[in-house]
Each structure stands twice: as C-alpha cells, then as structure tokens.
Amino acid sequence: MAKKLDYEYCKAAPMLEWVGNKWSLVVILKVSENEPVRFNELYRTIPSISEKVLSQVLRQLCVDGILDRCLFPDVPPRVEYSVSTLGRTLLPIVKELIIWGQENFDQIMTNRKICGT
C-alpha cells in the first residue's frame, strides 16, 4: 500500500487504505474462506494478482494485525495465513459491502452508461 494517509487527521485511515487497495479485501475474504491457507493456494484462488502484489498485501495485512502468519519449522519452511481476531471483526463489514455492491450493481452500471464512463 504505497500511499499513507494522515493518521493523526483521520483514525479511519488504515481501513481506507485497505478499501482503496485493489486486492486487500479480496485477500481477506479468500483467506477467510480457505483458512488456514498457504501462499500458493491463495495465489491460485485469486485470478490476475501477481505474486509480488499478493506478497505485499499479505505482509501489510499481517503488520496491521488483520491476518495471522504462522511459520512452521518444516523443511522446506511452511507458512500459513488465517484471519486474526481483529480481522474477524472486519469480516461482517466487508461482507455487507459486497452485498451492497451486488444489490446495486445494475444501477451503477446503468449510471456509468448514462454518464459515458
């Protein structure tokens, strides 16, 4: 997540960064649907995302405490991701956003055609 918003000005800035990132909410949902999930399994479930971007998004969501990263000392090392306790509080909100988007999809597409975008 390249741009950092002013955290002093807006305490909702981290959430706005996740929503503004093309992949963050997708990754959160995919991890929640398949957890615990390994990187390659997750990568295969998200079309069009690059390995680099997935890695960056996972790293940031772990740093923010939305996802948990568990490293197993196997040979070769194995890493699994799951939704953290904090992340579980975000899931119902994300799901409501998806429902809103699905319910209003046709109207949004119609509006875009009318406005010529």
N, C-alpha and C. Protein backbone atom coordinates (compact mmCIF):
# COMPACT_ATOMS: atom_id res chain seq x y z
N MET A 1 0.84 -1.16 0.00
CA MET A 1 0.00 0.00 0.00
C MET A 1 0.88 1.23 0.00
N ALA A 2 1.04 1.82 -1.13
CA ALA A 2 2.03 2.86 -1.34
C ALA A 2 1.72 4.16 -0.59
N LYS A 3 0.53 4.70 -0.75
CA LYS A 3 0.21 5.97 -0.13
C LYS A 3 -0.21 5.75 1.31
N LYS A 4 0.31 6.59 2.18
CA LYS A 4 -0.09 6.57 3.58
C LYS A 4 -0.90 7.82 3.85
N LEU A 5 -2.07 7.63 4.38
CA LEU A 5 -2.92 8.77 4.72
C LEU A 5 -2.46 9.35 6.05
N ASP A 6 -2.96 10.52 6.37
CA ASP A 6 -2.60 11.21 7.61
C ASP A 6 -3.34 10.55 8.77
N TYR A 7 -2.63 9.76 9.56
CA TYR A 7 -3.25 9.01 10.66
C TYR A 7 -3.71 9.92 11.79
N GLU A 8 -3.04 11.04 11.98
CA GLU A 8 -3.46 11.97 13.03
C GLU A 8 -4.76 12.66 12.65
N TYR A 9 -4.92 12.93 11.38
CA TYR A 9 -6.11 13.62 10.91
C TYR A 9 -7.31 12.68 10.87
N CYS A 10 -7.07 11.44 10.45
CA CYS A 10 -8.18 10.50 10.23
C CYS A 10 -7.82 9.14 10.82
N LYS A 11 -8.47 8.77 11.90
CA LYS A 11 -8.20 7.48 12.55
C LYS A 11 -8.72 6.30 11.73
N ALA A 12 -9.52 6.57 10.71
CA ALA A 12 -10.02 5.51 9.84
C ALA A 12 -9.06 5.26 8.67
N ALA A 13 -7.93 5.94 8.64
CA ALA A 13 -7.01 5.86 7.51
C ALA A 13 -6.58 4.43 7.16
N PRO A 14 -6.22 3.58 8.14
CA PRO A 14 -5.83 2.22 7.75
C PRO A 14 -6.94 1.49 7.00
N MET A 15 -8.17 1.63 7.45
CA MET A 15 -9.30 0.98 6.78
C MET A 15 -9.48 1.56 5.38
N LEU A 16 -9.32 2.85 5.23
CA LEU A 16 -9.44 3.48 3.91
C LEU A 16 -8.35 2.99 2.98
N GLU A 17 -7.17 2.72 3.51
CA GLU A 17 -6.08 2.16 2.69
C GLU A 17 -6.45 0.76 2.19
N TRP A 18 -7.05 -0.07 3.06
CA TRP A 18 -7.44 -1.41 2.64
C TRP A 18 -8.52 -1.34 1.57
N VAL A 19 -9.52 -0.49 1.79
CA VAL A 19 -10.62 -0.36 0.83
C VAL A 19 -10.09 0.21 -0.49
N GLY A 20 -9.14 1.14 -0.40
CA GLY A 20 -8.58 1.76 -1.60
C GLY A 20 -7.63 0.86 -2.36
N ASN A 21 -7.14 -0.18 -1.71
CA ASN A 21 -6.24 -1.12 -2.38
C ASN A 21 -7.08 -2.14 -3.14
N LYS A 22 -6.73 -2.35 -4.38
CA LYS A 22 -7.48 -3.24 -5.26
C LYS A 22 -7.62 -4.66 -4.70
N TRP A 23 -6.63 -5.13 -3.96
CA TRP A 23 -6.59 -6.53 -3.59
C TRP A 23 -6.82 -6.84 -2.11
N SER A 24 -6.72 -5.88 -1.23
CA SER A 24 -6.76 -6.16 0.21
C SER A 24 -8.02 -6.89 0.65
N LEU A 25 -9.18 -6.38 0.27
CA LEU A 25 -10.42 -7.00 0.71
C LEU A 25 -10.61 -8.38 0.07
N VAL A 26 -10.15 -8.53 -1.16
CA VAL A 26 -10.21 -9.84 -1.83
C VAL A 26 -9.36 -10.84 -1.05
N VAL A 27 -8.16 -10.44 -0.67
CA VAL A 27 -7.26 -11.34 0.07
C VAL A 27 -7.88 -11.71 1.42
N ILE A 28 -8.43 -10.73 2.13
CA ILE A 28 -9.06 -11.01 3.42
C ILE A 28 -10.17 -12.05 3.25
N LEU A 29 -11.02 -11.85 2.26
CA LEU A 29 -12.12 -12.79 2.03
C LEU A 29 -11.63 -14.17 1.64
N LYS A 30 -10.66 -14.24 0.73
CA LYS A 30 -10.15 -15.53 0.28
C LYS A 30 -9.47 -16.29 1.41
N VAL A 31 -8.75 -15.58 2.26
CA VAL A 31 -8.12 -16.24 3.41
C VAL A 31 -9.21 -16.78 4.34
N SER A 32 -10.25 -15.97 4.57
CA SER A 32 -11.33 -16.40 5.48
C SER A 32 -12.08 -17.62 4.94
N GLU A 33 -12.20 -17.73 3.63
CA GLU A 33 -12.91 -18.85 3.00
C GLU A 33 -12.09 -20.14 3.01
N ASN A 34 -10.77 -20.03 3.06
CA ASN A 34 -9.91 -21.21 2.90
C ASN A 34 -8.95 -21.45 4.06
N GLU A 35 -9.09 -20.73 5.14
CA GLU A 35 -8.07 -20.77 6.19
C GLU A 35 -7.98 -22.11 6.91
N PRO A 36 -6.80 -22.44 7.41
CA PRO A 36 -5.55 -21.75 7.10
C PRO A 36 -5.15 -22.02 5.66
N VAL A 37 -4.50 -21.05 5.06
CA VAL A 37 -4.16 -21.17 3.65
C VAL A 37 -2.69 -20.81 3.43
N ARG A 38 -2.06 -21.55 2.56
CA ARG A 38 -0.67 -21.27 2.20
C ARG A 38 -0.63 -20.30 1.02
N PHE A 39 0.51 -19.67 0.83
CA PHE A 39 0.67 -18.64 -0.20
C PHE A 39 0.24 -19.15 -1.57
N ASN A 40 0.77 -20.29 -1.99
CA ASN A 40 0.47 -20.78 -3.35
C ASN A 40 -0.99 -21.15 -3.52
N GLU A 41 -1.61 -21.69 -2.47
CA GLU A 41 -3.04 -21.99 -2.55
C GLU A 41 -3.83 -20.70 -2.74
N LEU A 42 -3.48 -19.69 -1.98
CA LEU A 42 -4.15 -18.40 -2.07
C LEU A 42 -3.92 -17.76 -3.42
N TYR A 43 -2.71 -17.83 -3.90
CA TYR A 43 -2.35 -17.26 -5.20
C TYR A 43 -3.20 -17.87 -6.32
N ARG A 44 -3.43 -19.17 -6.24
CA ARG A 44 -4.23 -19.84 -7.27
C ARG A 44 -5.71 -19.46 -7.23
N THR A 45 -6.20 -18.99 -6.08
CA THR A 45 -7.63 -18.67 -5.97
C THR A 45 -7.95 -17.23 -6.37
N ILE A 46 -6.92 -16.42 -6.63
CA ILE A 46 -7.15 -15.02 -6.98
C ILE A 46 -6.61 -14.76 -8.39
N PRO A 47 -7.49 -14.76 -9.38
CA PRO A 47 -7.03 -14.51 -10.75
C PRO A 47 -6.49 -13.09 -10.89
N SER A 48 -5.49 -12.94 -11.71
CA SER A 48 -4.92 -11.64 -12.10
C SER A 48 -3.99 -11.00 -11.09
N ILE A 49 -3.86 -11.52 -9.89
CA ILE A 49 -2.93 -10.91 -8.93
C ILE A 49 -1.54 -11.48 -9.18
N SER A 50 -0.54 -10.62 -9.06
CA SER A 50 0.84 -11.10 -9.21
C SER A 50 1.34 -11.61 -7.86
N GLU A 51 2.36 -12.44 -7.91
CA GLU A 51 2.95 -12.95 -6.67
C GLU A 51 3.49 -11.81 -5.82
N LYS A 52 4.11 -10.83 -6.48
CA LYS A 52 4.68 -9.69 -5.76
C LYS A 52 3.59 -8.90 -5.02
N VAL A 53 2.50 -8.62 -5.71
CA VAL A 53 1.42 -7.85 -5.09
C VAL A 53 0.78 -8.65 -3.96
N LEU A 54 0.54 -9.95 -4.17
CA LEU A 54 -0.03 -10.77 -3.11
C LEU A 54 0.88 -10.77 -1.89
N SER A 55 2.16 -10.89 -2.11
CA SER A 55 3.12 -10.87 -1.01
C SER A 55 3.06 -9.54 -0.25
N GLN A 56 2.99 -8.43 -0.97
CA GLN A 56 2.92 -7.11 -0.34
C GLN A 56 1.63 -6.95 0.47
N VAL A 57 0.52 -7.39 -0.11
CA VAL A 57 -0.76 -7.26 0.59
C VAL A 57 -0.78 -8.13 1.84
N LEU A 58 -0.32 -9.36 1.73
CA LEU A 58 -0.26 -10.24 2.90
C LEU A 58 0.62 -9.64 3.99
N ARG A 59 1.76 -9.11 3.60
CA ARG A 59 2.67 -8.52 4.57
C ARG A 59 2.00 -7.37 5.32
N GLN A 60 1.33 -6.47 4.58
CA GLN A 60 0.71 -5.32 5.21
C GLN A 60 -0.46 -5.73 6.11
N LEU A 61 -1.26 -6.69 5.67
CA LEU A 61 -2.39 -7.15 6.48
C LEU A 61 -1.91 -7.86 7.75
N CYS A 62 -0.77 -8.52 7.67
CA CYS A 62 -0.19 -9.13 8.87
C CYS A 62 0.36 -8.07 9.81
N VAL A 63 1.05 -7.08 9.25
CA VAL A 63 1.60 -5.98 10.07
C VAL A 63 0.47 -5.26 10.80
N ASP A 64 -0.65 -5.04 10.10
CA ASP A 64 -1.78 -4.34 10.70
C ASP A 64 -2.58 -5.21 11.66
N GLY A 65 -2.29 -6.51 11.68
CA GLY A 65 -2.97 -7.41 12.61
C GLY A 65 -4.29 -7.96 12.10
N ILE A 66 -4.55 -7.82 10.80
CA ILE A 66 -5.79 -8.34 10.21
C ILE A 66 -5.66 -9.83 9.90
N LEU A 67 -4.46 -10.24 9.52
CA LEU A 67 -4.17 -11.65 9.27
C LEU A 67 -3.09 -12.12 10.22
N ASP A 68 -3.13 -13.39 10.53
CA ASP A 68 -2.06 -14.05 11.28
C ASP A 68 -1.22 -14.85 10.31
N ARG A 69 0.08 -14.84 10.55
CA ARG A 69 1.04 -15.59 9.74
C ARG A 69 1.72 -16.59 10.67
N CYS A 70 1.58 -17.87 10.33
CA CYS A 70 2.17 -18.92 11.16
C CYS A 70 3.26 -19.62 10.36
N LEU A 71 4.48 -19.55 10.87
CA LEU A 71 5.64 -20.17 10.23
C LEU A 71 5.92 -21.51 10.91
N PHE A 72 5.92 -22.57 10.12
CA PHE A 72 6.22 -23.90 10.62
C PHE A 72 7.67 -24.24 10.29
N PRO A 73 8.41 -24.78 11.24
CA PRO A 73 9.84 -25.05 11.01
C PRO A 73 10.10 -26.32 10.23
N ASP A 74 9.25 -26.63 9.27
CA ASP A 74 9.44 -27.80 8.43
C ASP A 74 10.57 -27.54 7.43
N VAL A 75 10.97 -28.58 6.74
CA VAL A 75 11.94 -28.44 5.66
C VAL A 75 11.27 -28.90 4.38
N PRO A 76 11.01 -28.03 3.43
CA PRO A 76 11.23 -26.58 3.48
C PRO A 76 10.22 -25.90 4.40
N PRO A 77 10.55 -24.68 4.84
CA PRO A 77 9.64 -23.96 5.75
C PRO A 77 8.26 -23.79 5.12
N ARG A 78 7.24 -23.83 5.97
CA ARG A 78 5.86 -23.71 5.52
C ARG A 78 5.22 -22.55 6.27
N VAL A 79 4.47 -21.72 5.55
CA VAL A 79 3.78 -20.57 6.14
C VAL A 79 2.30 -20.69 5.83
N GLU A 80 1.47 -20.46 6.84
CA GLU A 80 0.02 -20.45 6.65
C GLU A 80 -0.55 -19.13 7.15
N TYR A 81 -1.59 -18.67 6.47
CA TYR A 81 -2.25 -17.42 6.83
C TYR A 81 -3.67 -17.72 7.28
N SER A 82 -4.12 -16.98 8.27
CA SER A 82 -5.50 -17.07 8.73
C SER A 82 -5.94 -15.68 9.19
N VAL A 83 -7.25 -15.52 9.34
CA VAL A 83 -7.78 -14.23 9.78
C VAL A 83 -7.60 -14.13 11.29
N SER A 84 -7.07 -13.02 11.74
CA SER A 84 -6.83 -12.81 13.16
C SER A 84 -8.15 -12.48 13.88
N THR A 85 -8.08 -12.40 15.18
CA THR A 85 -9.25 -11.99 15.97
C THR A 85 -9.71 -10.60 15.55
N LEU A 86 -8.78 -9.69 15.36
CA LEU A 86 -9.13 -8.34 14.89
C LEU A 86 -9.74 -8.40 13.50
N GLY A 87 -9.17 -9.20 12.62
CA GLY A 87 -9.69 -9.34 11.26
C GLY A 87 -11.10 -9.89 11.23
N ARG A 88 -11.43 -10.75 12.19
CA ARG A 88 -12.78 -11.31 12.25
C ARG A 88 -13.83 -10.24 12.53
N THR A 89 -13.43 -9.17 13.20
CA THR A 89 -14.37 -8.08 13.45
C THR A 89 -14.62 -7.28 12.17
N LEU A 90 -13.70 -7.36 11.22
CA LEU A 90 -13.83 -6.66 9.94
C LEU A 90 -14.67 -7.44 8.92
N LEU A 91 -14.68 -8.75 9.02
CA LEU A 91 -15.35 -9.60 8.02
C LEU A 91 -16.83 -9.26 7.80
N PRO A 92 -17.64 -9.07 8.85
CA PRO A 92 -19.06 -8.75 8.59
C PRO A 92 -19.23 -7.44 7.81
N ILE A 93 -18.37 -6.49 8.05
CA ILE A 93 -18.44 -5.21 7.35
C ILE A 93 -18.08 -5.40 5.88
N VAL A 94 -17.04 -6.17 5.61
CA VAL A 94 -16.63 -6.44 4.23
C VAL A 94 -17.76 -7.17 3.50
N LYS A 95 -18.37 -8.14 4.17
CA LYS A 95 -19.45 -8.89 3.54
C LYS A 95 -20.65 -7.99 3.25
N GLU A 96 -20.92 -7.04 4.13
CA GLU A 96 -22.02 -6.09 3.87
C GLU A 96 -21.70 -5.20 2.67
N LEU A 97 -20.45 -4.80 2.52
CA LEU A 97 -20.06 -4.02 1.35
C LEU A 97 -20.28 -4.82 0.06
N ILE A 98 -19.96 -6.10 0.11
CA ILE A 98 -20.15 -6.95 -1.06
C ILE A 98 -21.63 -7.07 -1.39
N ILE A 99 -22.45 -7.29 -0.39
CA ILE A 99 -23.89 -7.39 -0.60
C ILE A 99 -24.42 -6.10 -1.21
N TRP A 100 -23.99 -4.96 -0.67
CA TRP A 100 -24.43 -3.67 -1.21
C TRP A 100 -24.03 -3.55 -2.68
N GLY A 101 -22.80 -3.92 -2.99
CA GLY A 101 -22.32 -3.86 -4.37
C GLY A 101 -23.12 -4.76 -5.30
N GLN A 102 -23.45 -5.96 -4.85
CA GLN A 102 -24.23 -6.89 -5.67
C GLN A 102 -25.65 -6.36 -5.88
N GLU A 103 -26.24 -5.84 -4.82
CA GLU A 103 -27.61 -5.32 -4.93
C GLU A 103 -27.71 -4.09 -5.82
N ASN A 104 -26.66 -3.32 -5.91
CA ASN A 104 -26.69 -2.06 -6.66
C ASN A 104 -25.88 -2.10 -7.95
N PHE A 105 -25.39 -3.27 -8.31
CA PHE A 105 -24.54 -3.40 -9.50
C PHE A 105 -25.22 -2.88 -10.76
N ASP A 106 -26.44 -3.33 -11.01
CA ASP A 106 -27.14 -2.93 -12.24
C ASP A 106 -27.33 -1.41 -12.30
N GLN A 107 -27.69 -0.82 -11.18
CA GLN A 107 -27.90 0.64 -11.15
C GLN A 107 -26.59 1.38 -11.39
N ILE A 108 -25.52 0.90 -10.81
CA ILE A 108 -24.21 1.54 -11.00
C ILE A 108 -23.79 1.45 -12.47
N MET A 109 -23.97 0.28 -13.08
CA MET A 109 -23.61 0.11 -14.49
C MET A 109 -24.47 1.00 -15.39
N THR A 110 -25.75 1.10 -15.08
CA THR A 110 -26.64 2.00 -15.83
C THR A 110 -26.17 3.43 -15.70
N ASN A 111 -25.84 3.85 -14.49
CA ASN A 111 -25.36 5.21 -14.26
C ASN A 111 -24.08 5.49 -15.04
N ARG A 112 -23.21 4.51 -15.10
CA ARG A 112 -21.96 4.70 -15.86
C ARG A 112 -22.22 4.87 -17.35
N LYS A 113 -23.19 4.12 -17.88
CA LYS A 113 -23.54 4.25 -19.29
C LYS A 113 -24.15 5.62 -19.56
N ILE A 114 -24.99 6.08 -18.67
CA ILE A 114 -25.63 7.39 -18.84
C ILE A 114 -24.59 8.50 -18.84
N CYS A 115 -23.61 8.38 -17.95
CA CYS A 115 -22.58 9.41 -17.82
C CYS A 115 -21.44 9.24 -18.84
N GLY A 116 -21.46 8.12 -19.55
CA GLY A 116 -20.45 7.90 -20.59
C GLY A 116 -19.09 7.50 -20.09
N THR A 117 -19.01 6.84 -18.93
CA THR A 117 -17.71 6.40 -18.43
C THR A 117 -17.56 4.91 -18.56
